[in-house]
């Protein structure tokens, strides 16, 4: 009986840890994506301003 409880608690710990890793990975990807989009937008804006300037 005790073995089952210990196994279940370790499984829950593992699941919560993997869930935390998944959330961290999603946050990392999201921040990278936002950085990529904002840098791309600034490049587009820069290109537009140089076109207008020329």
PDB file of N, CA and C in Angstrom:
ATOM      1  N   UNK A   1       0.836  -1.207   0.000  1.00  0.00           N
ATOM      2  CA  UNK A   1       0.000   0.000   0.000  1.00  0.00           C
ATOM      3  C   UNK A   1       0.876   1.264   0.000  1.00  0.00           C
ATOM      4  N   UNK A   2       1.866   1.294   0.861  1.00  0.00           N
ATOM      5  CA  UNK A   2       2.752   2.445   0.951  1.00  0.00           C
ATOM      6  C   UNK A   2       3.522   2.638  -0.359  1.00  0.00           C
ATOM      7  N   UNK A   3       3.874   1.539  -0.971  1.00  0.00           N
ATOM      8  CA  UNK A   3       4.618   1.574  -2.232  1.00  0.00           C
ATOM      9  C   UNK A   3       3.793   2.255  -3.324  1.00  0.00           C
ATOM     10  N   UNK A   4       2.503   1.944  -3.354  1.00  0.00           N
ATOM     11  CA  UNK A   4       1.608   2.570  -4.344  1.00  0.00           C
ATOM     12  C   UNK A   4       1.539   4.079  -4.141  1.00  0.00           C
ATOM     13  N   UNK A   5       1.418   4.499  -2.897  1.00  0.00           N
ATOM     14  CA  UNK A   5       1.334   5.931  -2.573  1.00  0.00           C
ATOM     15  C   UNK A   5       2.627   6.634  -2.963  1.00  0.00           C
ATOM     16  N   UNK A   6       3.763   6.007  -2.647  1.00  0.00           N
ATOM     17  CA  UNK A   6       5.055   6.589  -2.989  1.00  0.00           C
ATOM     18  C   UNK A   6       5.207   6.697  -4.495  1.00  0.00           C
ATOM     19  N   UNK A   7       4.777   5.661  -5.192  1.00  0.00           N
ATOM     20  CA  UNK A   7       4.874   5.664  -6.647  1.00  0.00           C
ATOM     21  C   UNK A   7       3.994   6.765  -7.238  1.00  0.00           C
ATOM     22  N   UNK A   8       2.801   6.909  -6.677  1.00  0.00           N
ATOM     23  CA  UNK A   8       1.875   7.924  -7.171  1.00  0.00           C
ATOM     24  C   UNK A   8       2.418   9.325  -6.926  1.00  0.00           C
ATOM     25  N   UNK A   9       2.990   9.562  -5.756  1.00  0.00           N
ATOM     26  CA  UNK A   9       3.532  10.892  -5.445  1.00  0.00           C
ATOM     27  C   UNK A   9       4.733  11.202  -6.332  1.00  0.00           C
ATOM     28  N   UNK A  10       5.566  10.199  -6.608  1.00  0.00           N
ATOM     29  CA  UNK A  10       6.714  10.439  -7.490  1.00  0.00           C
ATOM     30  C   UNK A  10       6.240  10.693  -8.916  1.00  0.00           C
ATOM     31  N   UNK A  11       5.162  10.017  -9.311  1.00  0.00           N
ATOM     32  CA  UNK A  11       4.590  10.240 -10.639  1.00  0.00           C
ATOM     33  C   UNK A  11       4.032  11.658 -10.737  1.00  0.00           C
ATOM     34  N   UNK A  12       3.356  12.095  -9.682  1.00  0.00           N
ATOM     35  CA  UNK A  12       2.826  13.463  -9.662  1.00  0.00           C
ATOM     36  C   UNK A  12       3.946  14.491  -9.710  1.00  0.00           C
ATOM     37  N   UNK A  13       5.027  14.218  -8.959  1.00  0.00           N
ATOM     38  CA  UNK A  13       6.181  15.118  -8.994  1.00  0.00           C
ATOM     39  C   UNK A  13       6.750  15.200 -10.401  1.00  0.00           C
ATOM     40  N   UNK A  14       6.873  14.038 -11.051  1.00  0.00           N
ATOM     41  CA  UNK A  14       7.419  13.996 -12.401  1.00  0.00           C
ATOM     42  C   UNK A  14       6.522  14.751 -13.367  1.00  0.00           C
ATOM     43  N   UNK A  15       5.203  14.552 -13.240  1.00  0.00           N
ATOM     44  CA  UNK A  15       4.266  15.235 -14.131  1.00  0.00           C
ATOM     45  C   UNK A  15       4.310  16.740 -13.931  1.00  0.00           C
ATOM     46  N   UNK A  16       4.363  17.181 -12.675  1.00  0.00           N
ATOM     47  CA  UNK A  16       4.409  18.622 -12.425  1.00  0.00           C
ATOM     48  C   UNK A  16       5.723  19.211 -12.935  1.00  0.00           C
ATOM     49  N   UNK A  17       6.810  18.449 -12.830  1.00  0.00           N
ATOM     50  CA  UNK A  17       8.102  18.906 -13.323  1.00  0.00           C
ATOM     51  C   UNK A  17       8.080  19.004 -14.849  1.00  0.00           C
ATOM     52  N   UNK A  18       7.507  17.993 -15.503  1.00  0.00           N
ATOM     53  CA  UNK A  18       7.463  18.032 -16.962  1.00  0.00           C
ATOM     54  C   UNK A  18       6.524  19.140 -17.441  1.00  0.00           C
ATOM     55  N   UNK A  19       5.451  19.370 -16.681  1.00  0.00           N
ATOM     56  CA  UNK A  19       4.540  20.463 -17.014  1.00  0.00           C
ATOM     57  C   UNK A  19       5.256  21.802 -16.895  1.00  0.00           C
ATOM     58  N   UNK A  20       6.055  21.949 -15.838  1.00  0.00           N
ATOM     59  CA  UNK A  20       6.824  23.174 -15.643  1.00  0.00           C
ATOM     60  C   UNK A  20       7.820  23.362 -16.782  1.00  0.00           C
ATOM     61  N   UNK A  21       8.494  22.273 -17.182  1.00  0.00           N
ATOM     62  CA  UNK A  21       9.433  22.352 -18.299  1.00  0.00           C
ATOM     63  C   UNK A  21       8.726  22.747 -19.574  1.00  0.00           C
ATOM     64  N   UNK A  22       7.545  22.191 -19.787  1.00  0.00           N
ATOM     65  CA  UNK A  22       6.769  22.502 -20.992  1.00  0.00           C
ATOM     66  C   UNK A  22       6.393  23.979 -21.013  1.00  0.00           C
ATOM     67  N   UNK A  23       5.937  24.496 -19.874  1.00  0.00           N
ATOM     68  CA  UNK A  23       5.565  25.915 -19.780  1.00  0.00           C
ATOM     69  C   UNK A  23       6.788  26.795 -20.020  1.00  0.00           C
ATOM     70  N   UNK A  24       7.912  26.404 -19.444  1.00  0.00           N
ATOM     71  CA  UNK A  24       9.143  27.183 -19.633  1.00  0.00           C
ATOM     72  C   UNK A  24       9.557  27.181 -21.093  1.00  0.00           C
ATOM     73  N   UNK A  25       9.416  26.033 -21.751  1.00  0.00           N
ATOM     74  CA  UNK A  25       9.763  25.925 -23.167  1.00  0.00           C
ATOM     75  C   UNK A  25       8.845  26.793 -24.010  1.00  0.00           C
ATOM     76  N   UNK A  26       7.558  26.775 -23.694  1.00  0.00           N
ATOM     77  CA  UNK A  26       6.591  27.603 -24.429  1.00  0.00           C
ATOM     78  C   UNK A  26       6.908  29.082 -24.235  1.00  0.00           C
ATOM     79  N   UNK A  27       7.216  29.483 -22.997  1.00  0.00           N
ATOM     80  CA  UNK A  27       7.571  30.877 -22.727  1.00  0.00           C
ATOM     81  C   UNK A  27       8.811  31.292 -23.490  1.00  0.00           C
ATOM     82  N   UNK A  28       9.805  30.402 -23.523  1.00  0.00           N
ATOM     83  CA  UNK A  28      11.042  30.688 -24.235  1.00  0.00           C
ATOM     84  C   UNK A  28      10.758  30.858 -25.726  1.00  0.00           C
ATOM     85  N   UNK A  29       9.971  29.942 -26.286  1.00  0.00           N
ATOM     86  CA  UNK A  29       9.634  30.011 -27.706  1.00  0.00           C
ATOM     87  C   UNK A  29       8.843  31.273 -28.019  1.00  0.00           C
ATOM     88  N   UNK A  30       7.904  31.601 -27.124  1.00  0.00           N
ATOM     89  CA  UNK A  30       7.066  32.778 -27.328  1.00  0.00           C
ATOM     90  C   UNK A  30       7.902  34.057 -27.311  1.00  0.00           C
ATOM     91  N   UNK A  31       8.828  34.154 -26.368  1.00  0.00           N
ATOM     92  CA  UNK A  31       9.662  35.355 -26.299  1.00  0.00           C
ATOM     93  C   UNK A  31      10.576  35.448 -27.518  1.00  0.00           C
ATOM     94  N   UNK A  32      11.098  34.300 -27.971  1.00  0.00           N
ATOM     95  CA  UNK A  32      11.929  34.302 -29.169  1.00  0.00           C
ATOM     96  C   UNK A  32      11.114  34.722 -30.381  1.00  0.00           C
ATOM     97  N   UNK A  33       9.883  34.206 -30.489  1.00  0.00           N
ATOM     98  CA  UNK A  33       9.016  34.548 -31.610  1.00  0.00           C
ATOM     99  C   UNK A  33       8.681  36.034 -31.606  1.00  0.00           C
ATOM    100  N   UNK A  34       8.357  36.567 -30.421  1.00  0.00           N
ATOM    101  CA  UNK A  34       8.055  37.997 -30.324  1.00  0.00           C
ATOM    102  C   UNK A  34       9.268  38.839 -30.693  1.00  0.00           C
ATOM    103  N   UNK A  35      10.455  38.407 -30.246  1.00  0.00           N
ATOM    104  CA  UNK A  35      11.680  39.123 -30.589  1.00  0.00           C
ATOM    105  C   UNK A  35      11.904  39.099 -32.099  1.00  0.00           C
ATOM    106  N   UNK A  36      11.677  37.933 -32.722  1.00  0.00           N
ATOM    107  CA  UNK A  36      11.856  37.778 -34.165  1.00  0.00           C
ATOM    108  C   UNK A  36      10.892  38.677 -34.927  1.00  0.00           C
ATOM    109  N   UNK A  37       9.629  38.671 -34.512  1.00  0.00           N
ATOM    110  CA  UNK A  37       8.613  39.493 -35.184  1.00  0.00           C
ATOM    111  C   UNK A  37       8.940  40.974 -35.033  1.00  0.00           C
ATOM    112  N   UNK A  38       9.318  41.401 -33.834  1.00  0.00           N
ATOM    113  CA  UNK A  38       9.609  42.825 -33.623  1.00  0.00           C
ATOM    114  C   UNK A  38      10.852  43.250 -34.402  1.00  0.00           C
ATOM    115  N   UNK A  39      11.856  42.382 -34.477  1.00  0.00           N
ATOM    116  CA  UNK A  39      13.052  42.742 -35.245  1.00  0.00           C
ATOM    117  C   UNK A  39      12.728  42.787 -36.732  1.00  0.00           C
ATOM    118  N   UNK A  40      11.878  41.877 -37.189  1.00  0.00           N
ATOM    119  CA  UNK A  40      11.482  41.873 -38.595  1.00  0.00           C
ATOM    120  C   UNK A  40      10.677  43.137 -38.915  1.00  0.00           C
ATOM    121  N   UNK A  41       9.774  43.511 -38.001  1.00  0.00           N
ATOM    122  CA  UNK A  41       8.989  44.724 -38.202  1.00  0.00           C
ATOM    123  C   UNK A  41       9.875  45.957 -38.242  1.00  0.00           C
ATOM    124  N   UNK A  42      10.883  46.011 -37.388  1.00  0.00           N
ATOM    125  CA  UNK A  42      11.769  47.179 -37.388  1.00  0.00           C
ATOM    126  C   UNK A  42      12.591  47.218 -38.673  1.00  0.00           C
ATOM    127  N   UNK A  43      12.969  46.046 -39.185  1.00  0.00           N
ATOM    128  CA  UNK A  43      13.690  46.006 -40.461  1.00  0.00           C
ATOM    129  C   UNK A  43      12.802  46.497 -41.600  1.00  0.00           C
ATOM    130  N   UNK A  44      11.533  46.098 -41.571  1.00  0.00           N
ATOM    131  CA  UNK A  44      10.590  46.544 -42.607  1.00  0.00           C
ATOM    132  C   UNK A  44      10.391  48.052 -42.517  1.00  0.00           C
ATOM    133  N   UNK A  45      10.230  48.553 -41.292  1.00  0.00           N
ATOM    134  CA  UNK A  45      10.076  49.995 -41.099  1.00  0.00           C
ATOM    135  C   UNK A  45      11.312  50.750 -41.586  1.00  0.00           C
ATOM    136  N   UNK A  46      12.485  50.199 -41.295  1.00  0.00           N
ATOM    137  CA  UNK A  46      13.732  50.828 -41.721  1.00  0.00           C
ATOM    138  C   UNK A  46      13.815  50.865 -43.243  1.00  0.00           C
ATOM    139  N   UNK A  47      13.421  49.770 -43.873  1.00  0.00           N
ATOM    140  CA  UNK A  47      13.450  49.706 -45.341  1.00  0.00           C
ATOM    141  C   UNK A  47      12.472  50.709 -45.929  1.00  0.00           C
ATOM    142  N   UNK A  48      11.300  50.838 -45.330  1.00  0.00           N
ATOM    143  CA  UNK A  48      10.306  51.800 -45.816  1.00  0.00           C
ATOM    144  C   UNK A  48      10.818  53.222 -45.671  1.00  0.00           C
ATOM    145  N   UNK A  49      11.431  53.525 -44.553  1.00  0.00           N
ATOM    146  CA  UNK A  49      11.911  54.890 -44.329  1.00  0.00           C
ATOM    147  C   UNK A  49      13.048  55.228 -45.290  1.00  0.00           C
ATOM    148  N   UNK A  50      13.886  54.239 -45.626  1.00  0.00           N
ATOM    149  CA  UNK A  50      14.968  54.525 -46.584  1.00  0.00           C
ATOM    150  C   UNK A  50      14.396  54.700 -47.987  1.00  0.00           C
ATOM    151  N   UNK A  51      13.322  53.940 -48.302  1.00  0.00           N
ATOM    152  CA  UNK A  51      12.683  54.110 -49.617  1.00  0.00           C
ATOM    153  C   UNK A  51      12.089  55.503 -49.750  1.00  0.00           C
ATOM    154  N   UNK A  52      11.435  55.946 -48.678  1.00  0.00           N
ATOM    155  CA  UNK A  52      10.817  57.277 -48.692  1.00  0.00           C
ATOM    156  C   UNK A  52      11.906  58.348 -48.747  1.00  0.00           C
ATOM    157  N   UNK A  53      12.988  58.138 -47.990  1.00  0.00           N
ATOM    158  CA  UNK A  53      14.078  59.113 -47.961  1.00  0.00           C
ATOM    159  C   UNK A  53      14.760  59.247 -49.312  1.00  0.00           C
ATOM    160  N   UNK A  54      14.873  58.149 -50.056  1.00  0.00           N
ATOM    161  CA  UNK A  54      15.531  58.174 -51.373  1.00  0.00           C
ATOM    162  C   UNK A  54      14.522  58.579 -52.385  1.00  0.00           C
TER     163      UNK A  54
END
